[in-house]
Structures are given as structure tokens and as C-alpha cells.
Amino acid sequence: MPRLVPWATFRKRKGAVKLHTLLDLRGSIPTVCFITPGAVHDVNLLDQLAIEAGALYIFDRAYLDFARLYRLHQAKGFFVTAGQAELPIPVSRLAARRSHDRSRLRPDHPALRLLQQAGLPERLRRIRFFDAKHRRWLVFLTNNVTLPALTIAQLYKCRWQVELFFKWLKQHLRIKAFYGTSENAVKTQLWIAIAVYVLVAIVKKRLHLEASLYTILQILSVSLFEKIPLLQALTLSRGSEIEVDPGKPAESIRVTLGQQ
């Protein structure tokens, strides 16, 4: 495989590419996308981001780099990330009487000195949340000291939306197999898939459609060459029938439009 895609460095016998994405949770639309070889670590995305002051960024533990997070903090941005199990912060010594207070580090706490050595010379908030469903404790780190601890935990849960975004791309757009192996061919195919997703998401939001993104995509795929207004093709009215089977190709989908 590396011989076919020598530019997509990953492992000794395997090549890969990564799609680094910043997703806007207000509309589930990607605002930043970078395509890199698989060997590039996820945390390098932080070096490319143009931080928006006042915005809150949610990362998984792969982005836990205190020096980079401190630059985000200096740009007046907020972050929420998952703490690693090997993070040198003693849990028992941070526990306070009230659950909402245990997330705050004192200036003289030994853990704060460790964070200073790691490149984050500011106060950091640590939140522990018990997941009753899986019966486990989760640890979150943030520089936001105003939002309630439960809100921080709920915000991190929203990070799952980016996983759903990748799942949707893989399931409904043609990126499981590539038509070419050159860097330009692979990146072009990925950019086309991202553009299709964004256009469908924008149409759904602007036209206030209740249909799913997949249903809208399938309707558009079978009516591209039809001389019919876009809103009429996507709006379900009386007498309209749309039969969508995710297991069938777009050509087999039946679309019958009713009268407006």
C-alpha cells in the first residue's frame, strides 16, 4: 500500500490520510477542514486554527497539549477537553466538600505547578463527572470558570457530533474507495464529499426542511436533471410520495411530487 500512495505516510505497510475537522455545533457544518497524511498527529490541527475570541472549542484527549491550549487561552478562546488517566493530578486531593467546587485548582496546589511546567501557567478547571450508564468517572479540563460543572460535561457530550459527521460521510458518500491514488485525486474526492454534505446541510437549514440529510441527498440525486424548482422537489405536500431504502442505490428511489 505505501508504494501506491507514498505521499500518505502512516505505517510501514499501510498508507492513510486524515481529515481534521472543526464542526460548528450550531448547524453541524464543518467550518475548518485539513487533509493530511495519516502520520500527522491530531494535535497539529491546533497550530492551524484561527481562534475566535469567546468561542468554546471541544477536543478529545488527543488534543491535550498544554502549550498549544495555552495559546488558545491567550487568544481569548475557551476549551473543554478530556483528561488523561496518566495526567499527574491526584484525584483524592482535589476532592472538595461540594461537587461543583472540586473542579477548581488552588494557586498553591502541587498539580498547578505541574501544569506550569507543562506550558500552561494559568488556572485550570478540573471536573469529574460520573457516568451512571457505564458506571465510570470522566475527567474534563477547561479554562472556563463561569459555566456550571454539569454544563461543561454536557458540552463535551456534544463532541460526538463530529463522529456522526464522519460516519455520515462514510455511509452516504463515495469515499470508501478512491478512484485514484495520487494526492490530488484522493483530496479532490474528499473535498467533493465535504462540499456535498455542506450544500445539503445548508439547503436543509435555509428551507426549514424536516427530512433527513440522507433523504434530501437522495431526492437531489434523482432530480438533478429535472426542470423543477428546488423547493418544490424537496417539499412534501399532499399526494407526494418518497420511498427511500438506505440499502438501495439512488436510481431505485421513487419520487412522486404532488400539487403545490
C-alpha atoms as a PDB file:
ATOM      1  CA  MET A   1       0.000   0.000   0.000  1.00  0.00           C
ATOM      2  CA  PRO A   2       2.741   2.620   0.751  1.00  0.00           C
ATOM      3  CA  ARG A   3       4.051   2.062  -2.776  1.00  0.00           C
ATOM      4  CA  LEU A   4       0.671   3.063  -4.215  1.00  0.00           C
ATOM      5  CA  VAL A   5       0.374   6.186  -2.037  1.00  0.00           C
ATOM      6  CA  PRO A   6       3.919   7.126  -0.976  1.00  0.00           C
ATOM      7  CA  TRP A   7       2.738  10.604  -0.025  1.00  0.00           C
ATOM      8  CA  ALA A   8       0.198   9.246   2.534  1.00  0.00           C
ATOM      9  CA  THR A   9       2.658   8.137   5.196  1.00  0.00           C
ATOM     10  CA  PHE A  10       1.184   6.189   8.092  1.00  0.00           C
ATOM     11  CA  ARG A  11       2.702   2.803   8.944  1.00  0.00           C
ATOM     12  CA  LYS A  12       5.339   0.569   7.431  1.00  0.00           C
ATOM     13  CA  ARG A  13       2.870  -1.425   5.333  1.00  0.00           C
ATOM     14  CA  LYS A  14      -0.131   0.859   5.294  1.00  0.00           C
ATOM     15  CA  GLY A  15      -0.853   4.327   3.933  1.00  0.00           C
ATOM     16  CA  ALA A  16      -3.592   6.616   5.220  1.00  0.00           C
ATOM     17  CA  VAL A  17      -4.959  10.134   5.173  1.00  0.00           C
ATOM     18  CA  LYS A  18      -6.638  12.069   7.974  1.00  0.00           C
ATOM     19  CA  LEU A  19      -9.464  14.566   7.712  1.00  0.00           C
ATOM     20  CA  HIS A  20      -9.112  17.044  10.572  1.00  0.00           C
ATOM     21  CA  THR A  21     -12.418  18.863  11.037  1.00  0.00           C
ATOM     22  CA  LEU A  22     -13.745  21.672  13.202  1.00  0.00           C
ATOM     23  CA  LEU A  23     -17.539  21.299  13.363  1.00  0.00           C
ATOM     24  CA  ASP A  24     -19.873  24.184  14.204  1.00  0.00           C
ATOM     25  CA  LEU A  25     -22.443  22.629  16.548  1.00  0.00           C
ATOM     26  CA  ARG A  26     -24.979  25.363  15.768  1.00  0.00           C
ATOM     27  CA  GLY A  27     -25.612  23.781  12.387  1.00  0.00           C
ATOM     28  CA  SER A  28     -23.446  20.652  12.282  1.00  0.00           C
ATOM     29  CA  ILE A  29     -21.476  22.254   9.465  1.00  0.00           C
ATOM     30  CA  PRO A  30     -17.673  21.906   9.181  1.00  0.00           C
ATOM     31  CA  THR A  31     -16.003  25.301   9.334  1.00  0.00           C
ATOM     32  CA  VAL A  32     -12.389  24.108   9.066  1.00  0.00           C
ATOM     33  CA  CYS A  33     -11.044  21.020   7.280  1.00  0.00           C
ATOM     34  CA  PHE A  34      -7.453  19.896   6.810  1.00  0.00           C
ATOM     35  CA  ILE A  35      -6.401  16.766   4.910  1.00  0.00           C
ATOM     36  CA  THR A  36      -3.025  15.382   5.984  1.00  0.00           C
ATOM     37  CA  PRO A  37      -1.118  12.094   5.796  1.00  0.00           C
ATOM     38  CA  GLY A  38      -2.098   9.611   8.487  1.00  0.00           C
ATOM     39  CA  ALA A  39       1.228  10.020  10.291  1.00  0.00           C
ATOM     40  CA  VAL A  40       0.403  13.631  11.229  1.00  0.00           C
ATOM     41  CA  HIS A  41      -0.831  13.764  14.831  1.00  0.00           C
ATOM     42  CA  ASP A  42      -4.246  15.258  15.531  1.00  0.00           C
ATOM     43  CA  VAL A  43      -2.866  17.884  17.898  1.00  0.00           C
ATOM     44  CA  ASN A  44      -1.154  19.664  14.980  1.00  0.00           C
ATOM     45  CA  LEU A  45      -4.589  20.997  13.985  1.00  0.00           C
ATOM     46  CA  LEU A  46      -4.311  23.477  16.865  1.00  0.00           C
ATOM     47  CA  ASP A  47      -1.395  25.158  15.079  1.00  0.00           C
ATOM     48  CA  GLN A  48      -3.592  25.843  12.030  1.00  0.00           C
ATOM     49  CA  LEU A  49      -6.747  27.106  13.741  1.00  0.00           C
ATOM     50  CA  ALA A  50      -7.639  30.770  13.666  1.00  0.00           C
ATOM     51  CA  ILE A  51      -9.017  31.110  17.186  1.00  0.00           C
ATOM     52  CA  GLU A  52     -12.229  33.094  17.533  1.00  0.00           C
ATOM     53  CA  ALA A  53     -12.354  35.117  20.758  1.00  0.00           C
ATOM     54  CA  GLY A  54     -15.173  33.997  23.039  1.00  0.00           C
ATOM     55  CA  ALA A  55     -15.740  30.727  21.173  1.00  0.00           C
ATOM     56  CA  LEU A  56     -15.671  27.413  23.018  1.00  0.00           C
ATOM     57  CA  TYR A  57     -13.699  24.558  21.458  1.00  0.00           C
ATOM     58  CA  ILE A  58     -14.321  20.934  22.427  1.00  0.00           C
ATOM     59  CA  PHE A  59     -11.495  18.442  21.912  1.00  0.00           C
ATOM     60  CA  ASP A  60     -10.916  14.821  22.776  1.00  0.00           C
ATOM     61  CA  ARG A  61      -7.841  13.738  24.715  1.00  0.00           C
ATOM     62  CA  ALA A  62      -5.716  13.506  21.557  1.00  0.00           C
ATOM     63  CA  TYR A  63      -5.521  17.330  21.650  1.00  0.00           C
ATOM     64  CA  LEU A  64      -4.266  17.529  25.233  1.00  0.00           C
ATOM     65  CA  ASP A  65      -1.184  19.684  24.700  1.00  0.00           C
ATOM     66  CA  PHE A  66      -0.894  22.347  27.365  1.00  0.00           C
ATOM     67  CA  ALA A  67       1.422  24.644  25.420  1.00  0.00           C
ATOM     68  CA  ARG A  68      -0.983  24.750  22.466  1.00  0.00           C
ATOM     69  CA  LEU A  69      -4.036  25.067  24.717  1.00  0.00           C
ATOM     70  CA  TYR A  70      -2.380  27.996  26.451  1.00  0.00           C
ATOM     71  CA  ARG A  71      -2.020  29.784  23.105  1.00  0.00           C
ATOM     72  CA  LEU A  72      -5.744  29.188  22.598  1.00  0.00           C
ATOM     73  CA  HIS A  73      -6.343  30.675  26.055  1.00  0.00           C
ATOM     74  CA  GLN A  74      -4.231  33.733  25.224  1.00  0.00           C
ATOM     75  CA  ALA A  75      -6.384  34.275  22.115  1.00  0.00           C
ATOM     76  CA  LYS A  76      -9.424  34.648  24.441  1.00  0.00           C
ATOM     77  CA  GLY A  77     -10.875  31.298  23.434  1.00  0.00           C
ATOM     78  CA  PHE A  78     -12.310  28.652  25.737  1.00  0.00           C
ATOM     79  CA  PHE A  79     -11.690  24.927  25.555  1.00  0.00           C
ATOM     80  CA  VAL A  80     -13.066  21.722  27.031  1.00  0.00           C
ATOM     81  CA  THR A  81     -11.056  18.542  26.718  1.00  0.00           C
ATOM     82  CA  ALA A  82     -10.944  15.111  28.287  1.00  0.00           C
ATOM     83  CA  GLY A  83      -8.257  14.472  30.881  1.00  0.00           C
ATOM     84  CA  GLN A  84      -5.925  11.529  30.504  1.00  0.00           C
ATOM     85  CA  ALA A  85      -5.665   8.828  33.125  1.00  0.00           C
ATOM     86  CA  GLU A  86      -1.914   9.413  33.453  1.00  0.00           C
ATOM     87  CA  LEU A  87      -2.340  13.160  33.984  1.00  0.00           C
ATOM     88  CA  PRO A  88      -0.302  13.895  37.147  1.00  0.00           C
ATOM     89  CA  ILE A  89      -3.164  15.388  39.174  1.00  0.00           C
ATOM     90  CA  PRO A  90      -4.077  13.487  42.368  1.00  0.00           C
ATOM     91  CA  VAL A  91      -7.836  12.956  42.355  1.00  0.00           C
ATOM     92  CA  SER A  92      -8.243  12.454  46.077  1.00  0.00           C
ATOM     93  CA  ARG A  93      -6.513  15.704  46.999  1.00  0.00           C
ATOM     94  CA  LEU A  94      -8.692  17.707  44.617  1.00  0.00           C
ATOM     95  CA  ALA A  95     -11.980  16.498  46.084  1.00  0.00           C
ATOM     96  CA  ALA A  96     -13.855  19.208  47.945  1.00  0.00           C
ATOM     97  CA  ARG A  97     -16.974  19.203  50.082  1.00  0.00           C
ATOM     98  CA  ARG A  98     -19.205  20.477  47.280  1.00  0.00           C
ATOM     99  CA  SER A  99     -19.275  18.725  43.916  1.00  0.00           C
ATOM    100  CA  HIS A 100     -19.208  21.952  41.917  1.00  0.00           C
ATOM    101  CA  ASP A 101     -16.109  23.186  43.767  1.00  0.00           C
ATOM    102  CA  ARG A 102     -13.918  20.162  43.233  1.00  0.00           C
ATOM    103  CA  SER A 103     -13.118  21.263  39.708  1.00  0.00           C
ATOM    104  CA  ARG A 104     -11.121  24.331  40.697  1.00  0.00           C
ATOM    105  CA  LEU A 105      -7.358  24.259  41.316  1.00  0.00           C
ATOM    106  CA  ARG A 106      -5.864  26.455  44.025  1.00  0.00           C
ATOM    107  CA  PRO A 107      -2.887  28.654  43.087  1.00  0.00           C
ATOM    108  CA  ASP A 108      -0.671  26.770  45.556  1.00  0.00           C
ATOM    109  CA  HIS A 109      -1.826  23.290  44.549  1.00  0.00           C
ATOM    110  CA  PRO A 110       1.052  20.967  43.506  1.00  0.00           C
ATOM    111  CA  ALA A 111      -0.894  19.919  40.433  1.00  0.00           C
ATOM    112  CA  LEU A 112      -0.904  23.537  39.238  1.00  0.00           C
ATOM    113  CA  ARG A 113       2.888  23.627  39.399  1.00  0.00           C
ATOM    114  CA  LEU A 114       2.999  20.513  37.216  1.00  0.00           C
ATOM    115  CA  LEU A 115       0.736  22.235  34.710  1.00  0.00           C
ATOM    116  CA  GLN A 116       3.008  25.281  34.730  1.00  0.00           C
ATOM    117  CA  GLN A 117       5.953  23.071  33.833  1.00  0.00           C
ATOM    118  CA  ALA A 118       3.859  21.572  31.010  1.00  0.00           C
ATOM    119  CA  GLY A 119       3.341  25.008  29.462  1.00  0.00           C
ATOM    120  CA  LEU A 120       0.058  26.235  30.966  1.00  0.00           C
ATOM    121  CA  PRO A 121       0.864  28.973  33.510  1.00  0.00           C
ATOM    122  CA  GLU A 122      -2.790  29.772  34.217  1.00  0.00           C
ATOM    123  CA  ARG A 123      -5.552  28.465  36.422  1.00  0.00           C
ATOM    124  CA  LEU A 124      -7.167  25.344  35.057  1.00  0.00           C
ATOM    125  CA  ARG A 125     -10.509  23.898  35.994  1.00  0.00           C
ATOM    126  CA  ARG A 126     -10.863  20.157  36.529  1.00  0.00           C
ATOM    127  CA  ILE A 127     -14.295  18.498  36.520  1.00  0.00           C
ATOM    128  CA  ARG A 128     -15.160  14.958  37.459  1.00  0.00           C
ATOM    129  CA  PHE A 129     -18.412  13.507  36.149  1.00  0.00           C
ATOM    130  CA  PHE A 130     -19.876  10.117  36.996  1.00  0.00           C
ATOM    131  CA  ASP A 131     -21.357   8.273  34.006  1.00  0.00           C
ATOM    132  CA  ALA A 132     -24.149   6.258  35.626  1.00  0.00           C
ATOM    133  CA  LYS A 133     -24.875   4.331  32.432  1.00  0.00           C
ATOM    134  CA  HIS A 134     -21.361   2.907  32.112  1.00  0.00           C
ATOM    135  CA  ARG A 135     -20.539   3.296  35.823  1.00  0.00           C
ATOM    136  CA  ARG A 136     -17.300   5.195  35.378  1.00  0.00           C
ATOM    137  CA  TRP A 137     -15.780   8.542  36.252  1.00  0.00           C
ATOM    138  CA  LEU A 138     -14.932  11.001  33.472  1.00  0.00           C
ATOM    139  CA  VAL A 139     -12.462  13.857  33.855  1.00  0.00           C
ATOM    140  CA  PHE A 140     -12.675  17.113  31.899  1.00  0.00           C
ATOM    141  CA  LEU A 141     -10.275  20.063  31.790  1.00  0.00           C
ATOM    142  CA  THR A 142     -11.332  23.577  30.824  1.00  0.00           C
ATOM    143  CA  ASN A 143     -10.263  27.195  31.168  1.00  0.00           C
ATOM    144  CA  ASN A 144     -13.876  28.343  31.557  1.00  0.00           C
ATOM    145  CA  VAL A 145     -14.546  29.118  35.214  1.00  0.00           C
ATOM    146  CA  THR A 146     -18.079  30.513  34.877  1.00  0.00           C
ATOM    147  CA  LEU A 147     -20.185  27.711  33.390  1.00  0.00           C
ATOM    148  CA  PRO A 148     -21.596  25.092  35.807  1.00  0.00           C
ATOM    149  CA  ALA A 149     -19.738  21.801  36.006  1.00  0.00           C
ATOM    150  CA  LEU A 150     -22.733  19.874  34.649  1.00  0.00           C
ATOM    151  CA  THR A 151     -22.914  22.202  31.640  1.00  0.00           C
ATOM    152  CA  ILE A 152     -19.248  21.528  30.862  1.00  0.00           C
ATOM    153  CA  ALA A 153     -19.910  17.777  30.936  1.00  0.00           C
ATOM    154  CA  GLN A 154     -22.957  18.181  28.663  1.00  0.00           C
ATOM    155  CA  LEU A 155     -20.940  20.307  26.237  1.00  0.00           C
ATOM    156  CA  TYR A 156     -18.294  17.618  25.944  1.00  0.00           C
ATOM    157  CA  LYS A 157     -21.024  15.136  25.091  1.00  0.00           C
ATOM    158  CA  CYS A 158     -21.771  17.277  22.021  1.00  0.00           C
ATOM    159  CA  ARG A 159     -18.322  16.349  20.696  1.00  0.00           C
ATOM    160  CA  TRP A 160     -19.926  13.133  19.479  1.00  0.00           C
ATOM    161  CA  GLN A 161     -21.493  15.142  16.644  1.00  0.00           C
ATOM    162  CA  VAL A 162     -18.173  15.161  14.794  1.00  0.00           C
ATOM    163  CA  GLU A 163     -18.102  11.355  14.951  1.00  0.00           C
ATOM    164  CA  LEU A 164     -21.601  11.286  13.449  1.00  0.00           C
ATOM    165  CA  PHE A 165     -20.390  13.647  10.741  1.00  0.00           C
ATOM    166  CA  PHE A 166     -17.604  11.240   9.732  1.00  0.00           C
ATOM    167  CA  LYS A 167     -19.996   8.293   9.923  1.00  0.00           C
ATOM    168  CA  TRP A 168     -22.466  10.065   7.613  1.00  0.00           C
ATOM    169  CA  LEU A 169     -19.739  10.817   5.070  1.00  0.00           C
ATOM    170  CA  LYS A 170     -18.570   7.205   5.007  1.00  0.00           C
ATOM    171  CA  GLN A 171     -22.076   5.744   4.750  1.00  0.00           C
ATOM    172  CA  HIS A 172     -23.724   8.019   2.208  1.00  0.00           C
ATOM    173  CA  LEU A 173     -20.937   9.474   0.057  1.00  0.00           C
ATOM    174  CA  ARG A 174     -18.395   7.727  -2.119  1.00  0.00           C
ATOM    175  CA  ILE A 175     -15.214   7.819  -0.027  1.00  0.00           C
ATOM    176  CA  LYS A 176     -14.844   4.163   0.976  1.00  0.00           C
ATOM    177  CA  ALA A 177     -12.922   3.553  -2.254  1.00  0.00           C
ATOM    178  CA  PHE A 178     -10.897   6.084  -4.232  1.00  0.00           C
ATOM    179  CA  TYR A 179     -10.813   6.491  -7.991  1.00  0.00           C
ATOM    180  CA  GLY A 180      -7.122   7.449  -7.949  1.00  0.00           C
ATOM    181  CA  THR A 181      -4.102   7.112  -5.676  1.00  0.00           C
ATOM    182  CA  SER A 182      -2.361  10.423  -6.286  1.00  0.00           C
ATOM    183  CA  GLU A 183      -2.542  13.127  -3.652  1.00  0.00           C
ATOM    184  CA  ASN A 184      -4.651  15.337  -5.911  1.00  0.00           C
ATOM    185  CA  ALA A 185      -7.111  12.517  -6.728  1.00  0.00           C
ATOM    186  CA  VAL A 186      -7.671  11.496  -3.105  1.00  0.00           C
ATOM    187  CA  LYS A 187      -8.002  15.042  -1.800  1.00  0.00           C
ATOM    188  CA  THR A 188     -10.334  16.039  -4.653  1.00  0.00           C
ATOM    189  CA  GLN A 189     -12.666  13.132  -3.867  1.00  0.00           C
ATOM    190  CA  LEU A 190     -12.699  14.055  -0.176  1.00  0.00           C
ATOM    191  CA  TRP A 191     -13.329  17.733  -0.884  1.00  0.00           C
ATOM    192  CA  ILE A 192     -16.225  16.847  -3.192  1.00  0.00           C
ATOM    193  CA  ALA A 193     -17.780  14.728  -0.425  1.00  0.00           C
ATOM    194  CA  ILE A 194     -17.403  17.575   2.083  1.00  0.00           C
ATOM    195  CA  ALA A 195     -18.887  20.081  -0.380  1.00  0.00           C
ATOM    196  CA  VAL A 196     -21.903  17.842  -1.000  1.00  0.00           C
ATOM    197  CA  TYR A 197     -22.518  17.476   2.735  1.00  0.00           C
ATOM    198  CA  VAL A 198     -22.251  21.228   3.333  1.00  0.00           C
ATOM    199  CA  LEU A 199     -24.591  22.096   0.452  1.00  0.00           C
ATOM    200  CA  VAL A 200     -27.212  19.602   1.617  1.00  0.00           C
ATOM    201  CA  ALA A 201     -26.955  20.846   5.215  1.00  0.00           C
ATOM    202  CA  ILE A 202     -27.338  24.478   4.085  1.00  0.00           C
ATOM    203  CA  VAL A 203     -30.383  23.621   1.950  1.00  0.00           C
ATOM    204  CA  LYS A 204     -31.988  21.789   4.879  1.00  0.00           C
ATOM    205  CA  LYS A 205     -31.412  24.701   7.252  1.00  0.00           C
ATOM    206  CA  ARG A 206     -32.417  27.552   4.931  1.00  0.00           C
ATOM    207  CA  LEU A 207     -35.559  25.853   3.642  1.00  0.00           C
ATOM    208  CA  HIS A 208     -36.503  24.604   7.129  1.00  0.00           C
ATOM    209  CA  LEU A 209     -36.950  21.051   5.902  1.00  0.00           C
ATOM    210  CA  GLU A 210     -37.885  18.243   8.267  1.00  0.00           C
ATOM    211  CA  ALA A 211     -36.474  15.485   6.056  1.00  0.00           C
ATOM    212  CA  SER A 212     -33.135  13.954   6.995  1.00  0.00           C
ATOM    213  CA  LEU A 213     -29.933  14.886   5.195  1.00  0.00           C
ATOM    214  CA  TYR A 214     -29.885  11.443   3.580  1.00  0.00           C
ATOM    215  CA  THR A 215     -33.431  11.809   2.238  1.00  0.00           C
ATOM    216  CA  ILE A 216     -32.645  15.254   0.813  1.00  0.00           C
ATOM    217  CA  LEU A 217     -29.467  13.927  -0.778  1.00  0.00           C
ATOM    218  CA  GLN A 218     -31.322  11.075  -2.443  1.00  0.00           C
ATOM    219  CA  ILE A 219     -34.090  13.343  -3.767  1.00  0.00           C
ATOM    220  CA  LEU A 220     -31.495  15.675  -5.264  1.00  0.00           C
ATOM    221  CA  SER A 221     -29.562  12.788  -6.797  1.00  0.00           C
ATOM    222  CA  VAL A 222     -32.577  11.594  -8.808  1.00  0.00           C
ATOM    223  CA  SER A 223     -33.876  15.049  -9.785  1.00  0.00           C
ATOM    224  CA  LEU A 224     -30.697  16.845 -10.849  1.00  0.00           C
ATOM    225  CA  PHE A 225     -31.782  16.989 -14.498  1.00  0.00           C
ATOM    226  CA  GLU A 226     -35.464  17.647 -13.825  1.00  0.00           C
ATOM    227  CA  LYS A 227     -36.813  21.096 -14.690  1.00  0.00           C
ATOM    228  CA  ILE A 228     -38.473  21.680 -11.336  1.00  0.00           C
ATOM    229  CA  PRO A 229     -37.878  24.298  -8.618  1.00  0.00           C
ATOM    230  CA  LEU A 230     -35.641  23.063  -5.821  1.00  0.00           C
ATOM    231  CA  LEU A 231     -38.136  23.932  -3.079  1.00  0.00           C
ATOM    232  CA  GLN A 232     -40.907  22.075  -4.884  1.00  0.00           C
ATOM    233  CA  ALA A 233     -38.743  18.988  -5.276  1.00  0.00           C
ATOM    234  CA  LEU A 234     -37.841  18.944  -1.571  1.00  0.00           C
ATOM    235  CA  THR A 235     -41.154  19.978  -0.006  1.00  0.00           C
ATOM    236  CA  LEU A 236     -43.523  17.191   0.898  1.00  0.00           C
ATOM    237  CA  SER A 237     -47.108  18.120   0.197  1.00  0.00           C
ATOM    238  CA  ARG A 238     -50.352  16.255  -0.251  1.00  0.00           C
ATOM    239  CA  GLY A 239     -50.040  13.441  -2.709  1.00  0.00           C
ATOM    240  CA  SER A 240     -46.278  13.351  -2.501  1.00  0.00           C
ATOM    241  CA  GLU A 241     -44.618  10.013  -2.117  1.00  0.00           C
ATOM    242  CA  ILE A 242     -40.985   9.373  -1.309  1.00  0.00           C
ATOM    243  CA  GLU A 243     -39.741   5.858  -0.892  1.00  0.00           C
ATOM    244  CA  VAL A 244     -36.191   5.723   0.420  1.00  0.00           C
ATOM    245  CA  ASP A 245     -34.390   2.489   1.176  1.00  0.00           C
ATOM    246  CA  PRO A 246     -30.844   3.044   2.523  1.00  0.00           C
ATOM    247  CA  GLY A 247     -29.884  -0.360   1.155  1.00  0.00           C
ATOM    248  CA  LYS A 248     -30.756   0.501  -2.449  1.00  0.00           C
ATOM    249  CA  PRO A 249     -28.913   2.761  -4.909  1.00  0.00           C
ATOM    250  CA  ALA A 250     -30.229   6.215  -5.696  1.00  0.00           C
ATOM    251  CA  GLU A 251     -31.516   5.094  -9.113  1.00  0.00           C
ATOM    252  CA  SER A 252     -34.086   2.803  -7.450  1.00  0.00           C
ATOM    253  CA  ILE A 253     -35.652   5.511  -5.294  1.00  0.00           C
ATOM    254  CA  ARG A 254     -39.150   6.534  -6.254  1.00  0.00           C
ATOM    255  CA  VAL A 255     -40.082  10.203  -6.018  1.00  0.00           C
ATOM    256  CA  THR A 256     -43.604  11.347  -6.898  1.00  0.00           C
ATOM    257  CA  LEU A 257     -44.422  15.016  -6.401  1.00  0.00           C
ATOM    258  CA  GLY A 258     -47.890  16.231  -5.545  1.00  0.00           C
ATOM    259  CA  GLN A 259     -49.523  19.510  -6.437  1.00  0.00           C
ATOM    260  CA  GLN A 260     -48.415  22.646  -4.605  1.00  0.00           C
END
